[in-house]
């Protein structure tokens, strides 16, 4: 009987003001909140119970979400569920020296489980071998291999055949027009020689005839002078 009572006492014991997995208790005794600082996860519920003969209440002074409980007489209780993370500072409006705070921690983010991937079997596998995520290898079938016979008359054209077409096309391309600098020296010399002007030729002939005439006249005058002398 004593062992059963001790076991029940351990089951219903509330260490540190915790009543259950999501419920916590704060007592108002001796004009003070106990515990004065309470850390809980978001989504938890806190219940205040007044054990003093004087009335008390709970009102936040700074908090993410403000709340104010009704006046609690001896034996009265009031609960509040904290859904927003943050620090909640509160006090008793009847006895301002009664102060305490509750620290609400954000609930850890739960990562969704990855969906199982189903691999599709390759083409040619038997339908009976399909399973979720595992595909056993189909038994190999020994089939005679047939080696395709190639005709000796056919021969694969050399890989360099397509490359010879551009080379032939390049050889047929017209040669560039020769520039004067590339002409032979004889052609440049012939091109630079100008034909004689007919007027100059005629002038030279007339001058030659005039000189001959003067020479003839001079020679005749000399003979006459000799004959008269």
C-alpha atoms as a PDB file:
ATOM      1  CA  UNK A   1       0.000   0.000   0.000  1.00  0.00           C
ATOM      2  CA  UNK A   2       2.823   2.410   0.817  1.00  0.00           C
ATOM      3  CA  UNK A   3       4.588   1.544  -2.423  1.00  0.00           C
ATOM      4  CA  UNK A   4       1.413   2.305  -4.438  1.00  0.00           C
ATOM      5  CA  UNK A   5       0.984   5.674  -2.695  1.00  0.00           C
ATOM      6  CA  UNK A   6       4.597   6.607  -3.425  1.00  0.00           C
ATOM      7  CA  UNK A   7       4.166   5.668  -7.064  1.00  0.00           C
ATOM      8  CA  UNK A   8       1.035   7.818  -7.372  1.00  0.00           C
ATOM      9  CA  UNK A   9       2.862  10.693  -5.681  1.00  0.00           C
ATOM     10  CA  UNK A  10       5.653  10.498  -8.245  1.00  0.00           C
ATOM     11  CA  UNK A  11       3.178  10.436 -11.120  1.00  0.00           C
ATOM     12  CA  UNK A  12       1.208  13.498  -9.931  1.00  0.00           C
ATOM     13  CA  UNK A  13       4.223  15.486  -8.690  1.00  0.00           C
ATOM     14  CA  UNK A  14       4.702  18.812 -10.465  1.00  0.00           C
ATOM     15  CA  UNK A  15       8.402  19.807 -10.494  1.00  0.00           C
ATOM     16  CA  UNK A  16       9.092  23.567 -10.977  1.00  0.00           C
ATOM     17  CA  UNK A  17       5.408  24.505 -11.159  1.00  0.00           C
ATOM     18  CA  UNK A  18       4.694  22.271 -14.200  1.00  0.00           C
ATOM     19  CA  UNK A  19       1.312  20.475 -14.090  1.00  0.00           C
ATOM     20  CA  UNK A  20       1.439  18.658 -17.456  1.00  0.00           C
ATOM     21  CA  UNK A  21       3.146  18.733 -20.814  1.00  0.00           C
ATOM     22  CA  UNK A  22       1.330  21.942 -21.838  1.00  0.00           C
ATOM     23  CA  UNK A  23       0.002  23.299 -18.503  1.00  0.00           C
ATOM     24  CA  UNK A  24       1.994  25.255 -15.891  1.00  0.00           C
ATOM     25  CA  UNK A  25       0.956  26.621 -12.449  1.00  0.00           C
ATOM     26  CA  UNK A  26       1.914  29.837 -10.653  1.00  0.00           C
ATOM     27  CA  UNK A  27       0.874  30.283  -7.002  1.00  0.00           C
ATOM     28  CA  UNK A  28       0.144  33.593  -5.278  1.00  0.00           C
ATOM     29  CA  UNK A  29       1.422  33.113  -1.757  1.00  0.00           C
ATOM     30  CA  UNK A  30       3.036  35.477   0.708  1.00  0.00           C
ATOM     31  CA  UNK A  31       2.301  38.431  -1.563  1.00  0.00           C
ATOM     32  CA  UNK A  32       4.562  37.012  -4.269  1.00  0.00           C
ATOM     33  CA  UNK A  33       4.292  34.962  -7.451  1.00  0.00           C
ATOM     34  CA  UNK A  34       5.984  31.588  -7.367  1.00  0.00           C
ATOM     35  CA  UNK A  35       7.916  30.977  -9.546  1.00  0.00           C
ATOM     36  CA  UNK A  36       8.867  34.571 -10.274  1.00  0.00           C
ATOM     37  CA  UNK A  37      10.311  33.605 -13.684  1.00  0.00           C
ATOM     38  CA  UNK A  38       8.803  30.839 -15.757  1.00  0.00           C
ATOM     39  CA  UNK A  39      10.023  29.641 -19.161  1.00  0.00           C
ATOM     40  CA  UNK A  40       7.506  27.775 -21.304  1.00  0.00           C
ATOM     41  CA  UNK A  41       7.127  26.819 -24.970  1.00  0.00           C
ATOM     42  CA  UNK A  42       4.574  28.566 -27.147  1.00  0.00           C
ATOM     43  CA  UNK A  43       1.115  27.036 -26.954  1.00  0.00           C
ATOM     44  CA  UNK A  44       1.343  26.282 -23.217  1.00  0.00           C
ATOM     45  CA  UNK A  45      -1.269  27.304 -20.639  1.00  0.00           C
ATOM     46  CA  UNK A  46      -0.407  28.924 -17.296  1.00  0.00           C
ATOM     47  CA  UNK A  47      -2.853  28.809 -14.344  1.00  0.00           C
ATOM     48  CA  UNK A  48      -2.539  31.296 -11.460  1.00  0.00           C
ATOM     49  CA  UNK A  49      -3.971  30.246  -8.059  1.00  0.00           C
ATOM     50  CA  UNK A  50      -4.365  32.624  -5.109  1.00  0.00           C
ATOM     51  CA  UNK A  51      -3.423  31.109  -1.739  1.00  0.00           C
ATOM     52  CA  UNK A  52      -3.396  34.387   0.210  1.00  0.00           C
ATOM     53  CA  UNK A  53      -6.310  35.797   2.178  1.00  0.00           C
ATOM     54  CA  UNK A  54      -5.895  39.106   0.285  1.00  0.00           C
ATOM     55  CA  UNK A  55      -7.215  39.350  -3.283  1.00  0.00           C
ATOM     56  CA  UNK A  56      -4.743  39.364  -6.181  1.00  0.00           C
ATOM     57  CA  UNK A  57      -4.900  39.684  -9.977  1.00  0.00           C
ATOM     58  CA  UNK A  58      -2.543  39.394 -12.956  1.00  0.00           C
ATOM     59  CA  UNK A  59      -1.932  42.277 -15.388  1.00  0.00           C
ATOM     60  CA  UNK A  60       0.854  42.641 -17.979  1.00  0.00           C
ATOM     61  CA  UNK A  61       3.134  45.661 -17.986  1.00  0.00           C
ATOM     62  CA  UNK A  62       5.036  44.779 -21.172  1.00  0.00           C
ATOM     63  CA  UNK A  63       4.238  41.816 -23.362  1.00  0.00           C
ATOM     64  CA  UNK A  64       3.663  40.805 -27.008  1.00  0.00           C
ATOM     65  CA  UNK A  65       0.003  40.158 -26.094  1.00  0.00           C
ATOM     66  CA  UNK A  66      -1.518  42.000 -23.134  1.00  0.00           C
ATOM     67  CA  UNK A  67      -3.891  40.310 -20.678  1.00  0.00           C
ATOM     68  CA  UNK A  68      -5.570  41.179 -17.369  1.00  0.00           C
ATOM     69  CA  UNK A  69      -7.173  38.619 -15.098  1.00  0.00           C
ATOM     70  CA  UNK A  70     -10.181  39.235 -12.888  1.00  0.00           C
ATOM     71  CA  UNK A  71      -9.652  39.771  -9.142  1.00  0.00           C
ATOM     72  CA  UNK A  72      -8.962  36.408  -7.513  1.00  0.00           C
ATOM     73  CA  UNK A  73      -9.943  35.738  -3.917  1.00  0.00           C
ATOM     74  CA  UNK A  74      -8.395  33.012  -1.792  1.00  0.00           C
ATOM     75  CA  UNK A  75      -8.609  29.690  -3.638  1.00  0.00           C
ATOM     76  CA  UNK A  76      -9.505  31.351  -6.948  1.00  0.00           C
ATOM     77  CA  UNK A  77      -7.615  30.546 -10.135  1.00  0.00           C
ATOM     78  CA  UNK A  78      -7.325  31.897 -13.668  1.00  0.00           C
ATOM     79  CA  UNK A  79      -5.637  30.502 -16.796  1.00  0.00           C
ATOM     80  CA  UNK A  80      -4.135  32.011 -19.951  1.00  0.00           C
ATOM     81  CA  UNK A  81      -2.709  30.265 -23.049  1.00  0.00           C
ATOM     82  CA  UNK A  82       0.438  31.805 -24.549  1.00  0.00           C
ATOM     83  CA  UNK A  83       0.541  31.485 -28.333  1.00  0.00           C
ATOM     84  CA  UNK A  84       2.990  34.310 -29.124  1.00  0.00           C
ATOM     85  CA  UNK A  85       6.667  33.997 -28.234  1.00  0.00           C
ATOM     86  CA  UNK A  86       8.244  36.728 -26.130  1.00  0.00           C
ATOM     87  CA  UNK A  87       8.697  37.980 -22.560  1.00  0.00           C
ATOM     88  CA  UNK A  88       5.554  38.753 -20.538  1.00  0.00           C
ATOM     89  CA  UNK A  89       6.124  40.972 -17.498  1.00  0.00           C
ATOM     90  CA  UNK A  90       3.152  41.260 -15.132  1.00  0.00           C
ATOM     91  CA  UNK A  91       2.216  42.441 -11.631  1.00  0.00           C
ATOM     92  CA  UNK A  92      -0.707  42.672  -9.169  1.00  0.00           C
ATOM     93  CA  UNK A  93      -2.675  45.898  -9.407  1.00  0.00           C
ATOM     94  CA  UNK A  94      -3.644  45.654  -5.714  1.00  0.00           C
ATOM     95  CA  UNK A  95      -0.070  45.012  -4.582  1.00  0.00           C
ATOM     96  CA  UNK A  96       2.328  46.612  -7.178  1.00  0.00           C
ATOM     97  CA  UNK A  97       5.349  45.099  -5.419  1.00  0.00           C
ATOM     98  CA  UNK A  98       4.226  41.665  -6.639  1.00  0.00           C
ATOM     99  CA  UNK A  99       6.009  41.281 -10.000  1.00  0.00           C
ATOM    100  CA  UNK A 100       6.999  38.316 -12.127  1.00  0.00           C
ATOM    101  CA  UNK A 101       7.571  37.375 -15.735  1.00  0.00           C
ATOM    102  CA  UNK A 102       6.981  34.524 -18.179  1.00  0.00           C
ATOM    103  CA  UNK A 103       9.339  33.780 -21.072  1.00  0.00           C
ATOM    104  CA  UNK A 104       7.585  32.094 -24.002  1.00  0.00           C
ATOM    105  CA  UNK A 105       9.879  30.308 -26.430  1.00  0.00           C
ATOM    106  CA  UNK A 106       8.908  29.755 -30.049  1.00  0.00           C
ATOM    107  CA  UNK A 107       8.008  26.218 -30.920  1.00  0.00           C
ATOM    108  CA  UNK A 108      10.711  24.482 -32.991  1.00  0.00           C
ATOM    109  CA  UNK A 109       9.901  24.378 -36.662  1.00  0.00           C
ATOM    110  CA  UNK A 110       9.018  20.914 -37.803  1.00  0.00           C
ATOM    111  CA  UNK A 111      10.355  19.974 -41.210  1.00  0.00           C
ATOM    112  CA  UNK A 112       7.916  17.938 -43.285  1.00  0.00           C
ATOM    113  CA  UNK A 113       9.042  14.430 -44.026  1.00  0.00           C
ATOM    114  CA  UNK A 114      10.316  13.984 -47.539  1.00  0.00           C
ATOM    115  CA  UNK A 115       7.908  12.126 -49.763  1.00  0.00           C
ATOM    116  CA  UNK A 116       9.214   8.727 -50.855  1.00  0.00           C
ATOM    117  CA  UNK A 117      10.477   8.718 -54.381  1.00  0.00           C
ATOM    118  CA  UNK A 118       9.331   5.985 -56.680  1.00  0.00           C
ATOM    119  CA  UNK A 119      11.690   5.108 -59.458  1.00  0.00           C
ATOM    120  CA  UNK A 120      10.167   3.907 -62.683  1.00  0.00           C
ATOM    121  CA  UNK A 121      11.564   0.660 -63.995  1.00  0.00           C
ATOM    122  CA  UNK A 122      13.393   0.723 -67.253  1.00  0.00           C
ATOM    123  CA  UNK A 123      11.716  -0.332 -70.456  1.00  0.00           C
ATOM    124  CA  UNK A 124      11.695  -4.047 -70.879  1.00  0.00           C
ATOM    125  CA  UNK A 125      11.353  -5.047 -67.204  1.00  0.00           C
ATOM    126  CA  UNK A 126       8.552  -7.355 -66.221  1.00  0.00           C
ATOM    127  CA  UNK A 127       5.495  -5.813 -64.440  1.00  0.00           C
ATOM    128  CA  UNK A 128       5.852  -8.261 -61.584  1.00  0.00           C
ATOM    129  CA  UNK A 129       9.235  -6.788 -60.623  1.00  0.00           C
ATOM    130  CA  UNK A 130       7.864  -3.312 -59.766  1.00  0.00           C
ATOM    131  CA  UNK A 131       7.961  -2.261 -56.116  1.00  0.00           C
ATOM    132  CA  UNK A 132       8.041   1.040 -54.183  1.00  0.00           C
ATOM    133  CA  UNK A 133      11.611   2.307 -54.418  1.00  0.00           C
ATOM    134  CA  UNK A 134      13.223  -1.100 -55.113  1.00  0.00           C
ATOM    135  CA  UNK A 135      13.423  -2.741 -58.494  1.00  0.00           C
ATOM    136  CA  UNK A 136      15.029  -6.166 -58.558  1.00  0.00           C
ATOM    137  CA  UNK A 137      17.027  -6.937 -61.595  1.00  0.00           C
ATOM    138  CA  UNK A 138      15.238  -9.181 -64.049  1.00  0.00           C
ATOM    139  CA  UNK A 139      16.961 -12.514 -64.682  1.00  0.00           C
ATOM    140  CA  UNK A 140      19.191 -12.394 -67.699  1.00  0.00           C
ATOM    141  CA  UNK A 141      18.125 -14.416 -70.677  1.00  0.00           C
ATOM    142  CA  UNK A 142      20.751 -16.083 -72.772  1.00  0.00           C
ATOM    143  CA  UNK A 143      19.857 -15.340 -76.362  1.00  0.00           C
ATOM    144  CA  UNK A 144      22.129 -16.133 -79.290  1.00  0.00           C
ATOM    145  CA  UNK A 145      23.845 -13.048 -80.530  1.00  0.00           C
ATOM    146  CA  UNK A 146      23.647 -12.409 -84.198  1.00  0.00           C
ATOM    147  CA  UNK A 147      26.543 -10.673 -85.809  1.00  0.00           C
ATOM    148  CA  UNK A 148      25.330  -8.659 -88.795  1.00  0.00           C
ATOM    149  CA  UNK A 149      27.304  -9.515 -91.893  1.00  0.00           C
ATOM    150  CA  UNK A 150      28.613  -6.616 -93.899  1.00  0.00           C
ATOM    151  CA  UNK A 151      28.866  -6.757 -97.634  1.00  0.00           C
ATOM    152  CA  UNK A 152      32.444  -6.508 -98.864  1.00  0.00           C
ATOM    153  CA  UNK A 153      31.310  -4.343-101.765  1.00  0.00           C
ATOM    154  CA  UNK A 154      30.280  -1.551 -99.432  1.00  0.00           C
ATOM    155  CA  UNK A 155      33.025   0.476 -97.966  1.00  0.00           C
ATOM    156  CA  UNK A 156      32.716   3.335 -95.580  1.00  0.00           C
ATOM    157  CA  UNK A 157      33.877   6.553 -97.200  1.00  0.00           C
ATOM    158  CA  UNK A 158      36.908   8.007 -95.521  1.00  0.00           C
ATOM    159  CA  UNK A 159      36.222  10.626 -92.936  1.00  0.00           C
ATOM    160  CA  UNK A 160      38.416  13.078 -94.830  1.00  0.00           C
ATOM    161  CA  UNK A 161      36.188  12.995 -97.962  1.00  0.00           C
ATOM    162  CA  UNK A 162      33.920  15.880 -96.900  1.00  0.00           C
ATOM    163  CA  UNK A 163      36.962  17.948 -96.082  1.00  0.00           C
ATOM    164  CA  UNK A 164      38.297  17.574 -99.668  1.00  0.00           C
ATOM    165  CA  UNK A 165      35.272  19.358-101.167  1.00  0.00           C
ATOM    166  CA  UNK A 166      36.069  22.721 -99.560  1.00  0.00           C
ATOM    167  CA  UNK A 167      39.706  22.292-100.610  1.00  0.00           C
ATOM    168  CA  UNK A 168      38.654  21.752-104.250  1.00  0.00           C
ATOM    169  CA  UNK A 169      36.321  24.714-104.049  1.00  0.00           C
ATOM    170  CA  UNK A 170      39.141  26.844-102.738  1.00  0.00           C
ATOM    171  CA  UNK A 171      41.412  25.768-105.598  1.00  0.00           C
ATOM    172  CA  UNK A 172      38.806  26.748-108.221  1.00  0.00           C
ATOM    173  CA  UNK A 173      38.311  30.223-106.790  1.00  0.00           C
ATOM    174  CA  UNK A 174      39.497  32.962-109.221  1.00  0.00           C
ATOM    175  CA  UNK A 175      42.937  34.341-108.680  1.00  0.00           C
ATOM    176  CA  UNK A 176      43.143  37.962-107.588  1.00  0.00           C
ATOM    177  CA  UNK A 177      43.771  40.666-110.164  1.00  0.00           C
ATOM    178  CA  UNK A 178      47.482  41.373-110.363  1.00  0.00           C
ATOM    179  CA  UNK A 179      48.489  44.783-109.125  1.00  0.00           C
ATOM    180  CA  UNK A 180      50.988  47.013-110.933  1.00  0.00           C
ATOM    181  CA  UNK A 181      53.555  46.140-108.326  1.00  0.00           C
ATOM    182  CA  UNK A 182      53.355  42.444-109.242  1.00  0.00           C
ATOM    183  CA  UNK A 183      53.760  42.972-113.056  1.00  0.00           C
ATOM    184  CA  UNK A 184      57.090  42.066-114.621  1.00  0.00           C
ATOM    185  CA  UNK A 185      59.667  44.794-114.999  1.00  0.00           C
ATOM    186  CA  UNK A 186      59.462  44.658-118.799  1.00  0.00           C
ATOM    187  CA  UNK A 187      55.734  45.407-118.784  1.00  0.00           C
ATOM    188  CA  UNK A 188      56.175  48.350-116.427  1.00  0.00           C
ATOM    189  CA  UNK A 189      58.964  49.778-118.632  1.00  0.00           C
ATOM    190  CA  UNK A 190      56.883  49.419-121.799  1.00  0.00           C
ATOM    191  CA  UNK A 191      53.926  51.060-120.157  1.00  0.00           C
ATOM    192  CA  UNK A 192      55.991  54.056-119.012  1.00  0.00           C
ATOM    193  CA  UNK A 193      57.521  54.790-122.526  1.00  0.00           C
ATOM    194  CA  UNK A 194      55.426  57.397-124.410  1.00  0.00           C
ATOM    195  CA  UNK A 195      55.174  57.512-128.240  1.00  0.00           C
ATOM    196  CA  UNK A 196      56.949  60.373-130.089  1.00  0.00           C
ATOM    197  CA  UNK A 197      54.918  63.444-130.889  1.00  0.00           C
ATOM    198  CA  UNK A 198      54.530  63.895-134.727  1.00  0.00           C
ATOM    199  CA  UNK A 199      54.898  67.656-134.410  1.00  0.00           C
ATOM    200  CA  UNK A 200      58.257  67.281-132.747  1.00  0.00           C
ATOM    201  CA  UNK A 201      59.400  64.920-135.460  1.00  0.00           C
ATOM    202  CA  UNK A 202      58.334  67.376-138.177  1.00  0.00           C
ATOM    203  CA  UNK A 203      60.084  70.233-136.431  1.00  0.00           C
ATOM    204  CA  UNK A 204      63.302  68.236-136.281  1.00  0.00           C
ATOM    205  CA  UNK A 205      63.132  67.449-140.012  1.00  0.00           C
ATOM    206  CA  UNK A 206      62.526  71.087-140.933  1.00  0.00           C
ATOM    207  CA  UNK A 207      65.414  72.205-138.744  1.00  0.00           C
ATOM    208  CA  UNK A 208      67.702  69.646-140.394  1.00  0.00           C
ATOM    209  CA  UNK A 209      66.700  70.774-143.879  1.00  0.00           C
ATOM    210  CA  UNK A 210      67.292  74.424-142.904  1.00  0.00           C
ATOM    211  CA  UNK A 211      70.762  73.608-141.634  1.00  0.00           C
ATOM    212  CA  UNK A 212      71.603  71.782-144.875  1.00  0.00           C
ATOM    213  CA  UNK A 213      70.376  74.724-146.898  1.00  0.00           C
ATOM    214  CA  UNK A 214      72.497  77.139-144.935  1.00  0.00           C
ATOM    215  CA  UNK A 215      75.524  74.909-145.404  1.00  0.00           C
ATOM    216  CA  UNK A 216      74.921  74.767-149.187  1.00  0.00           C
ATOM    217  CA  UNK A 217      74.490  78.531-149.458  1.00  0.00           C
ATOM    218  CA  UNK A 218      77.601  79.117-147.416  1.00  0.00           C
ATOM    219  CA  UNK A 219      79.643  76.732-149.524  1.00  0.00           C
ATOM    220  CA  UNK A 220      78.490  78.378-152.796  1.00  0.00           C
ATOM    221  CA  UNK A 221      79.304  81.832-151.464  1.00  0.00           C
ATOM    222  CA  UNK A 222      82.766  80.654-150.535  1.00  0.00           C
ATOM    223  CA  UNK A 223      83.354  79.269-154.040  1.00  0.00           C
ATOM    224  CA  UNK A 224      82.251  82.494-155.700  1.00  0.00           C
ATOM    225  CA  UNK A 225      84.493  84.500-153.478  1.00  0.00           C
ATOM    226  CA  UNK A 226      87.428  82.267-154.368  1.00  0.00           C
ATOM    227  CA  UNK A 227      86.676  82.509-158.083  1.00  0.00           C
ATOM    228  CA  UNK A 228      86.450  86.312-158.014  1.00  0.00           C
ATOM    229  CA  UNK A 229      89.652  86.572-156.048  1.00  0.00           C
END
